[in-house]
Amino acid sequence: MKNNIQMVEDQDNFIQSLDIERLREIENQSKCLFQNDNLLQENCYDDDLRYSNIDEYIQNMQLAELRTLEKIVNCLSK
């Protein structure tokens, strides 16, 4: 339970560290990048097996996606 709480806190802290413009950019980029990503859908079953419950899986996916999207936005803005 402690790991789940820490994970949620980390996710919350990361999201709060972003300004609203950055969040809008990430949202727009995610719509373009992940709209037709069949490979992501095909490989998601393997990831499901690593987690004991769906909440933990979703939280990990959200945090990982936000970090990835921030890196993409940073690269695109250079």
PDB file of N, CA and C in Angstrom:
ATOM      1  N   MET A   1       0.825  -1.200   0.000  1.00  0.00           N
ATOM      2  CA  MET A   1       0.000   0.000   0.000  1.00  0.00           C
ATOM      3  C   MET A   1       0.868   1.263   0.000  1.00  0.00           C
ATOM      4  N   LYS A   2       1.992   1.207   0.738  1.00  0.00           N
ATOM      5  CA  LYS A   2       2.863   2.377   0.802  1.00  0.00           C
ATOM      6  C   LYS A   2       3.426   2.728  -0.579  1.00  0.00           C
ATOM      7  N   ASN A   3       3.799   1.709  -1.350  1.00  0.00           N
ATOM      8  CA  ASN A   3       4.310   1.965  -2.699  1.00  0.00           C
ATOM      9  C   ASN A   3       3.260   2.626  -3.576  1.00  0.00           C
ATOM     10  N   ASN A   4       2.004   2.193  -3.444  1.00  0.00           N
ATOM     11  CA  ASN A   4       0.933   2.804  -4.230  1.00  0.00           C
ATOM     12  C   ASN A   4       0.754   4.269  -3.856  1.00  0.00           C
ATOM     13  N   ILE A   5       0.808   4.564  -2.569  1.00  0.00           N
ATOM     14  CA  ILE A   5       0.659   5.948  -2.110  1.00  0.00           C
ATOM     15  C   ILE A   5       1.813   6.796  -2.628  1.00  0.00           C
ATOM     16  N   GLN A   6       3.021   6.275  -2.539  1.00  0.00           N
ATOM     17  CA  GLN A   6       4.188   7.009  -3.034  1.00  0.00           C
ATOM     18  C   GLN A   6       4.087   7.234  -4.534  1.00  0.00           C
ATOM     19  N   MET A   7       3.624   6.230  -5.251  1.00  0.00           N
ATOM     20  CA  MET A   7       3.478   6.347  -6.693  1.00  0.00           C
ATOM     21  C   MET A   7       2.462   7.438  -7.048  1.00  0.00           C
ATOM     22  N   VAL A   8       1.355   7.478  -6.338  1.00  0.00           N
ATOM     23  CA  VAL A   8       0.342   8.504  -6.587  1.00  0.00           C
ATOM     24  C   VAL A   8       0.904   9.881  -6.261  1.00  0.00           C
ATOM     25  N   GLU A   9       1.649   9.983  -5.164  1.00  0.00           N
ATOM     26  CA  GLU A   9       2.261  11.263  -4.795  1.00  0.00           C
ATOM     27  C   GLU A   9       3.272  11.708  -5.854  1.00  0.00           C
ATOM     28  N   ASP A  10       4.076  10.774  -6.353  1.00  0.00           N
ATOM     29  CA  ASP A  10       5.045  11.103  -7.406  1.00  0.00           C
ATOM     30  C   ASP A  10       4.334  11.585  -8.664  1.00  0.00           C
ATOM     31  N   GLN A  11       3.267  10.891  -9.021  1.00  0.00           N
ATOM     32  CA  GLN A  11       2.492  11.275 -10.203  1.00  0.00           C
ATOM     33  C   GLN A  11       1.903  12.666 -10.015  1.00  0.00           C
ATOM     34  N   ASP A  12       1.332  12.906  -8.861  1.00  0.00           N
ATOM     35  CA  ASP A  12       0.723  14.199  -8.570  1.00  0.00           C
ATOM     36  C   ASP A  12       1.767  15.312  -8.590  1.00  0.00           C
ATOM     37  N   ASN A  13       2.915  15.073  -7.972  1.00  0.00           N
ATOM     38  CA  ASN A  13       3.987  16.073  -7.950  1.00  0.00           C
ATOM     39  C   ASN A  13       4.488  16.386  -9.357  1.00  0.00           C
ATOM     40  N   PHE A  14       4.627  15.359 -10.174  1.00  0.00           N
ATOM     41  CA  PHE A  14       5.086  15.568 -11.542  1.00  0.00           C
ATOM     42  C   PHE A  14       4.088  16.416 -12.322  1.00  0.00           C
ATOM     43  N   ILE A  15       2.820  16.074 -12.235  1.00  0.00           N
ATOM     44  CA  ILE A  15       1.789  16.818 -12.962  1.00  0.00           C
ATOM     45  C   ILE A  15       1.737  18.260 -12.480  1.00  0.00           C
ATOM     46  N   GLN A  16       1.821  18.462 -11.169  1.00  0.00           N
ATOM     47  CA  GLN A  16       1.760  19.818 -10.627  1.00  0.00           C
ATOM     48  C   GLN A  16       2.985  20.646 -10.988  1.00  0.00           C
ATOM     49  N   SER A  17       4.093  19.987 -11.294  1.00  0.00           N
ATOM     50  CA  SER A  17       5.305  20.731 -11.644  1.00  0.00           C
ATOM     51  C   SER A  17       5.230  21.330 -13.053  1.00  0.00           C
ATOM     52  N   LEU A  18       4.280  20.871 -13.851  1.00  0.00           N
ATOM     53  CA  LEU A  18       4.142  21.367 -15.220  1.00  0.00           C
ATOM     54  C   LEU A  18       3.225  22.578 -15.254  1.00  0.00           C
ATOM     55  N   ASP A  19       3.587  23.561 -16.078  1.00  0.00           N
ATOM     56  CA  ASP A  19       2.684  24.704 -16.222  1.00  0.00           C
ATOM     57  C   ASP A  19       1.559  24.351 -17.193  1.00  0.00           C
ATOM     58  N   ILE A  20       0.534  25.180 -17.212  1.00  0.00           N
ATOM     59  CA  ILE A  20      -0.671  24.870 -17.985  1.00  0.00           C
ATOM     60  C   ILE A  20      -0.376  24.804 -19.478  1.00  0.00           C
ATOM     61  N   GLU A  21       0.518  25.642 -19.963  1.00  0.00           N
ATOM     62  CA  GLU A  21       0.870  25.600 -21.388  1.00  0.00           C
ATOM     63  C   GLU A  21       1.544  24.279 -21.741  1.00  0.00           C
ATOM     64  N   ARG A  22       2.424  23.832 -20.870  1.00  0.00           N
ATOM     65  CA  ARG A  22       3.101  22.550 -21.100  1.00  0.00           C
ATOM     66  C   ARG A  22       2.093  21.410 -21.109  1.00  0.00           C
ATOM     67  N   LEU A  23       1.137  21.438 -20.189  1.00  0.00           N
ATOM     68  CA  LEU A  23       0.106  20.402 -20.147  1.00  0.00           C
ATOM     69  C   LEU A  23      -0.734  20.399 -21.421  1.00  0.00           C
ATOM     70  N   ARG A  24      -1.049  21.572 -21.928  1.00  0.00           N
ATOM     71  CA  ARG A  24      -1.817  21.654 -23.184  1.00  0.00           C
ATOM     72  C   ARG A  24      -1.005  21.112 -24.359  1.00  0.00           C
ATOM     73  N   GLU A  25       0.281  21.432 -24.382  1.00  0.00           N
ATOM     74  CA  GLU A  25       1.140  20.908 -25.443  1.00  0.00           C
ATOM     75  C   GLU A  25       1.205  19.387 -25.380  1.00  0.00           C
ATOM     76  N   ILE A  26       1.377  18.866 -24.177  1.00  0.00           N
ATOM     77  CA  ILE A  26       1.447  17.415 -23.994  1.00  0.00           C
ATOM     78  C   ILE A  26       0.145  16.759 -24.426  1.00  0.00           C
ATOM     79  N   GLU A  27      -0.959  17.374 -24.068  1.00  0.00           N
ATOM     80  CA  GLU A  27      -2.261  16.828 -24.460  1.00  0.00           C
ATOM     81  C   GLU A  27      -2.389  16.780 -25.982  1.00  0.00           C
ATOM     82  N   ASN A  28      -2.028  17.869 -26.642  1.00  0.00           N
ATOM     83  CA  ASN A  28      -2.118  17.914 -28.105  1.00  0.00           C
ATOM     84  C   ASN A  28      -1.186  16.902 -28.760  1.00  0.00           C
ATOM     85  N   GLN A  29       0.024  16.794 -28.245  1.00  0.00           N
ATOM     86  CA  GLN A  29       0.970  15.829 -28.799  1.00  0.00           C
ATOM     87  C   GLN A  29       0.486  14.401 -28.593  1.00  0.00           C
ATOM     88  N   SER A  30      -0.092  14.130 -27.437  1.00  0.00           N
ATOM     89  CA  SER A  30      -0.544  12.766 -27.160  1.00  0.00           C
ATOM     90  C   SER A  30      -1.675  12.361 -28.091  1.00  0.00           C
ATOM     91  N   LYS A  31      -2.529  13.300 -28.450  1.00  0.00           N
ATOM     92  CA  LYS A  31      -3.614  12.990 -29.385  1.00  0.00           C
ATOM     93  C   LYS A  31      -3.040  12.561 -30.729  1.00  0.00           C
ATOM     94  N   CYS A  32      -1.990  13.230 -31.155  1.00  0.00           N
ATOM     95  CA  CYS A  32      -1.380  12.900 -32.447  1.00  0.00           C
ATOM     96  C   CYS A  32      -0.560  11.615 -32.376  1.00  0.00           C
ATOM     97  N   LEU A  33       0.212  11.466 -31.331  1.00  0.00           N
ATOM     98  CA  LEU A  33       1.168  10.367 -31.272  1.00  0.00           C
ATOM     99  C   LEU A  33       0.545   9.019 -30.958  1.00  0.00           C
ATOM    100  N   PHE A  34      -0.505   9.004 -30.146  1.00  0.00           N
ATOM    101  CA  PHE A  34      -1.034   7.734 -29.670  1.00  0.00           C
ATOM    102  C   PHE A  34      -2.392   7.374 -30.258  1.00  0.00           C
ATOM    103  N   GLN A  35      -2.867   8.166 -31.178  1.00  0.00           N
ATOM    104  CA  GLN A  35      -4.189   7.929 -31.741  1.00  0.00           C
ATOM    105  C   GLN A  35      -4.271   6.583 -32.455  1.00  0.00           C
ATOM    106  N   ASN A  36      -3.289   6.270 -33.261  1.00  0.00           N
ATOM    107  CA  ASN A  36      -3.326   5.037 -34.059  1.00  0.00           C
ATOM    108  C   ASN A  36      -2.170   4.102 -33.734  1.00  0.00           C
ATOM    109  N   ASP A  37      -1.769   4.050 -32.490  1.00  0.00           N
ATOM    110  CA  ASP A  37      -0.607   3.252 -32.121  1.00  0.00           C
ATOM    111  C   ASP A  37      -1.023   1.812 -31.824  1.00  0.00           C
ATOM    112  N   ASN A  38      -1.101   0.995 -32.852  1.00  0.00           N
ATOM    113  CA  ASN A  38      -1.501  -0.402 -32.686  1.00  0.00           C
ATOM    114  C   ASN A  38      -0.455  -1.212 -31.942  1.00  0.00           C
ATOM    115  N   LEU A  39       0.805  -0.874 -32.123  1.00  0.00           N
ATOM    116  CA  LEU A  39       1.863  -1.606 -31.442  1.00  0.00           C
ATOM    117  C   LEU A  39       1.721  -1.482 -29.933  1.00  0.00           C
ATOM    118  N   LEU A  40       1.385  -0.301 -29.461  1.00  0.00           N
ATOM    119  CA  LEU A  40       1.167  -0.099 -28.030  1.00  0.00           C
ATOM    120  C   LEU A  40       0.042  -0.994 -27.535  1.00  0.00           C
ATOM    121  N   GLN A  41      -1.025  -1.094 -28.285  1.00  0.00           N
ATOM    122  CA  GLN A  41      -2.147  -1.937 -27.888  1.00  0.00           C
ATOM    123  C   GLN A  41      -1.766  -3.410 -27.897  1.00  0.00           C
ATOM    124  N   GLU A  42      -0.973  -3.840 -28.865  1.00  0.00           N
ATOM    125  CA  GLU A  42      -0.571  -5.245 -28.958  1.00  0.00           C
ATOM    126  C   GLU A  42       0.333  -5.655 -27.805  1.00  0.00           C
ATOM    127  N   ASN A  43       1.166  -4.741 -27.334  1.00  0.00           N
ATOM    128  CA  ASN A  43       2.137  -5.075 -26.295  1.00  0.00           C
ATOM    129  C   ASN A  43       1.644  -4.817 -24.881  1.00  0.00           C
ATOM    130  N   CYS A  44       0.467  -4.277 -24.711  1.00  0.00           N
ATOM    131  CA  CYS A  44       0.022  -3.906 -23.372  1.00  0.00           C
ATOM    132  C   CYS A  44      -0.289  -5.117 -22.503  1.00  0.00           C
ATOM    133  N   TYR A  45      -0.611  -6.271 -23.083  1.00  0.00           N
ATOM    134  CA  TYR A  45      -0.941  -7.444 -22.275  1.00  0.00           C
ATOM    135  C   TYR A  45       0.246  -7.872 -21.411  1.00  0.00           C
ATOM    136  N   ASP A  46       1.464  -7.830 -21.963  1.00  0.00           N
ATOM    137  CA  ASP A  46       2.652  -8.196 -21.199  1.00  0.00           C
ATOM    138  C   ASP A  46       2.827  -7.298 -19.985  1.00  0.00           C
ATOM    139  N   ASP A  47       2.572  -6.020 -20.144  1.00  0.00           N
ATOM    140  CA  ASP A  47       2.685  -5.087 -19.026  1.00  0.00           C
ATOM    141  C   ASP A  47       1.673  -5.402 -17.938  1.00  0.00           C
ATOM    142  N   ASP A  48       0.496  -5.868 -18.315  1.00  0.00           N
ATOM    143  CA  ASP A  48      -0.550  -6.196 -17.338  1.00  0.00           C
ATOM    144  C   ASP A  48      -0.068  -7.228 -16.337  1.00  0.00           C
ATOM    145  N   LEU A  49       0.768  -8.141 -16.761  1.00  0.00           N
ATOM    146  CA  LEU A  49       1.199  -9.239 -15.907  1.00  0.00           C
ATOM    147  C   LEU A  49       2.157  -8.794 -14.806  1.00  0.00           C
ATOM    148  N   ARG A  50       2.746  -7.623 -14.941  1.00  0.00           N
ATOM    149  CA  ARG A  50       3.717  -7.151 -13.943  1.00  0.00           C
ATOM    150  C   ARG A  50       3.064  -6.572 -12.707  1.00  0.00           C
ATOM    151  N   TYR A  51       1.806  -6.238 -12.750  1.00  0.00           N
ATOM    152  CA  TYR A  51       1.162  -5.523 -11.659  1.00  0.00           C
ATOM    153  C   TYR A  51       0.096  -6.381 -10.997  1.00  0.00           C
ATOM    154  N   SER A  52      -0.055  -6.180  -9.692  1.00  0.00           N
ATOM    155  CA  SER A  52      -0.989  -7.005  -8.928  1.00  0.00           C
ATOM    156  C   SER A  52      -2.430  -6.545  -9.073  1.00  0.00           C
ATOM    157  N   ASN A  53      -2.642  -5.299  -9.453  1.00  0.00           N
ATOM    158  CA  ASN A  53      -4.017  -4.832  -9.639  1.00  0.00           C
ATOM    159  C   ASN A  53      -4.068  -3.767 -10.725  1.00  0.00           C
ATOM    160  N   ILE A  54      -5.251  -3.544 -11.229  1.00  0.00           N
ATOM    161  CA  ILE A  54      -5.429  -2.641 -12.369  1.00  0.00           C
ATOM    162  C   ILE A  54      -5.136  -1.187 -12.003  1.00  0.00           C
ATOM    163  N   ASP A  55      -5.413  -0.791 -10.758  1.00  0.00           N
ATOM    164  CA  ASP A  55      -5.134   0.593 -10.346  1.00  0.00           C
ATOM    165  C   ASP A  55      -3.646   0.898 -10.410  1.00  0.00           C
ATOM    166  N   GLU A  56      -2.848  -0.027  -9.912  1.00  0.00           N
ATOM    167  CA  GLU A  56      -1.398   0.159  -9.939  1.00  0.00           C
ATOM    168  C   GLU A  56      -0.905   0.234 -11.390  1.00  0.00           C
ATOM    169  N   TYR A  57      -1.450  -0.619 -12.231  1.00  0.00           N
ATOM    170  CA  TYR A  57      -1.080  -0.617 -13.647  1.00  0.00           C
ATOM    171  C   TYR A  57      -1.415   0.718 -14.306  1.00  0.00           C
ATOM    172  N   ILE A  58      -2.622   1.208 -14.079  1.00  0.00           N
ATOM    173  CA  ILE A  58      -3.055   2.469 -14.682  1.00  0.00           C
ATOM    174  C   ILE A  58      -2.192   3.622 -14.194  1.00  0.00           C
ATOM    175  N   GLN A  59      -1.908   3.668 -12.901  1.00  0.00           N
ATOM    176  CA  GLN A  59      -1.089   4.744 -12.350  1.00  0.00           C
ATOM    177  C   GLN A  59       0.305   4.729 -12.959  1.00  0.00           C
ATOM    178  N   ASN A  60       0.895   3.547 -13.090  1.00  0.00           N
ATOM    179  CA  ASN A  60       2.222   3.451 -13.692  1.00  0.00           C
ATOM    180  C   ASN A  60       2.208   3.874 -15.150  1.00  0.00           C
ATOM    181  N   MET A  61       1.178   3.485 -15.880  1.00  0.00           N
ATOM    182  CA  MET A  61       1.073   3.870 -17.282  1.00  0.00           C
ATOM    183  C   MET A  61       0.911   5.378 -17.428  1.00  0.00           C
ATOM    184  N   GLN A  62       0.086   5.982 -16.589  1.00  0.00           N
ATOM    185  CA  GLN A  62      -0.136   7.424 -16.671  1.00  0.00           C
ATOM    186  C   GLN A  62       1.146   8.192 -16.391  1.00  0.00           C
ATOM    187  N   LEU A  63       1.851   7.798 -15.347  1.00  0.00           N
ATOM    188  CA  LEU A  63       3.090   8.485 -14.991  1.00  0.00           C
ATOM    189  C   LEU A  63       4.139   8.317 -16.092  1.00  0.00           C
ATOM    190  N   ALA A  64       4.279   7.108 -16.594  1.00  0.00           N
ATOM    191  CA  ALA A  64       5.251   6.856 -17.662  1.00  0.00           C
ATOM    192  C   ALA A  64       4.889   7.625 -18.928  1.00  0.00           C
ATOM    193  N   GLU A  65       3.610   7.675 -19.256  1.00  0.00           N
ATOM    194  CA  GLU A  65       3.183   8.392 -20.461  1.00  0.00           C
ATOM    195  C   GLU A  65       3.441   9.884 -20.329  1.00  0.00           C
ATOM    196  N   LEU A  66       3.159  10.449 -19.164  1.00  0.00           N
ATOM    197  CA  LEU A  66       3.410  11.874 -18.965  1.00  0.00           C
ATOM    198  C   LEU A  66       4.891  12.207 -19.081  1.00  0.00           C
ATOM    199  N   ARG A  67       5.730  11.366 -18.511  1.00  0.00           N
ATOM    200  CA  ARG A  67       7.174  11.614 -18.604  1.00  0.00           C
ATOM    201  C   ARG A  67       7.655  11.510 -20.045  1.00  0.00           C
ATOM    202  N   THR A  68       7.149  10.516 -20.766  1.00  0.00           N
ATOM    203  CA  THR A  68       7.516  10.358 -22.169  1.00  0.00           C
ATOM    204  C   THR A  68       7.044  11.546 -22.989  1.00  0.00           C
ATOM    205  N   LEU A  69       5.824  11.961 -22.749  1.00  0.00           N
ATOM    206  CA  LEU A  69       5.278  13.089 -23.500  1.00  0.00           C
ATOM    207  C   LEU A  69       6.027  14.379 -23.201  1.00  0.00           C
ATOM    208  N   GLU A  70       6.447  14.557 -21.962  1.00  0.00           N
ATOM    209  CA  GLU A  70       7.219  15.755 -21.637  1.00  0.00           C
ATOM    210  C   GLU A  70       8.544  15.756 -22.395  1.00  0.00           C
ATOM    211  N   LYS A  71       9.194  14.595 -22.475  1.00  0.00           N
ATOM    212  CA  LYS A  71      10.449  14.505 -23.226  1.00  0.00           C
ATOM    213  C   LYS A  71      10.223  14.830 -24.699  1.00  0.00           C
ATOM    214  N   ILE A  72       9.122  14.327 -25.253  1.00  0.00           N
ATOM    215  CA  ILE A  72       8.808  14.593 -26.656  1.00  0.00           C
ATOM    216  C   ILE A  72       8.579  16.081 -26.878  1.00  0.00           C
ATOM    217  N   VAL A  73       7.816  16.695 -25.989  1.00  0.00           N
ATOM    218  CA  VAL A  73       7.534  18.125 -26.116  1.00  0.00           C
ATOM    219  C   VAL A  73       8.823  18.925 -25.993  1.00  0.00           C
ATOM    220  N   ASN A  74       9.690  18.537 -25.068  1.00  0.00           N
ATOM    221  CA  ASN A  74      10.969  19.231 -24.922  1.00  0.00           C
ATOM    222  C   ASN A  74      11.793  19.134 -26.201  1.00  0.00           C
ATOM    223  N   CYS A  75      11.812  17.964 -26.812  1.00  0.00           N
ATOM    224  CA  CYS A  75      12.568  17.786 -28.059  1.00  0.00           C
ATOM    225  C   CYS A  75      11.963  18.606 -29.192  1.00  0.00           C
ATOM    226  N   LEU A  76      10.651  18.626 -29.273  1.00  0.00           N
ATOM    227  CA  LEU A  76       9.986  19.356 -30.349  1.00  0.00           C
ATOM    228  C   LEU A  76      10.113  20.864 -30.194  1.00  0.00           C
ATOM    229  N   SER A  77      10.260  21.331 -28.965  1.00  0.00           N
ATOM    230  CA  SER A  77      10.320  22.773 -28.735  1.00  0.00           C
ATOM    231  C   SER A  77      11.725  23.341 -28.916  1.00  0.00           C
ATOM    232  N   LYS A  78      12.713  22.483 -29.140  1.00  0.00           N
ATOM    233  CA  LYS A  78      14.095  22.960 -29.327  1.00  0.00           C
ATOM    234  C   LYS A  78      14.320  23.467 -30.716  1.00  0.00           C
TER     235      LYS A  78
END
